[in-house]
C-alpha cells in the first residue's frame, strides 16, 4: 500500500480501473460545507442518498456509484458539526477516529474485493477538526490498497 499525495481535484480521480472517492460526513444530516460542495456540484446522488438516510450510525458507510468506474463513499465518522467540551473543559473535535477506523476497514474490504483504488481529499482534517497525522496513521494501519490524497492548488 502506498499513499500518494498529488495536487488536483479529488472529484476527478486519476488512474485506471475502479476508484472509490472517500470523504467524511456527520451524523446529523447536515451537508453543505467543505468537500461535499465539490461533490454536489459534480454529482447529485451522494447528497441525495445522504439526505434520504434517516438513521446515521458512526462507523458505517454509504457507497454510491456515480460513474461506471467511480463510487463515492460517504463515511459517517463525524459526530455533529461543531466541537464539544468534555467535563473538564477540553475541546473535542467532531471527528471520531474509532468510527473512521471502522469505515476504512469496510472500504478496504470493498476495494480489495473489487480491485479499486482509494482517492480522497485530506478527509477529516478540515471541518471535522481531525489531525492529518492521526488520520494518516489509521489509513496505514487498516488500508492495504493504494491511496491517492488530493490537495487543491
Foldseek 3Di string as FASTA:
>chain_A
DAEAEDADQLVDDDDDAAEEEEAEDEQPLDADDDPSVVVCVVAPPVNVVSNVDDGDDQLDWDWADGDPRYIYIYHHFFYDQAWDADPVRDTDFRGHLVSVLSNLLVVQVVCVVRVYEYEYELHCVPRSPDDSVSVVVSCVVRHDHYYYYYDYD
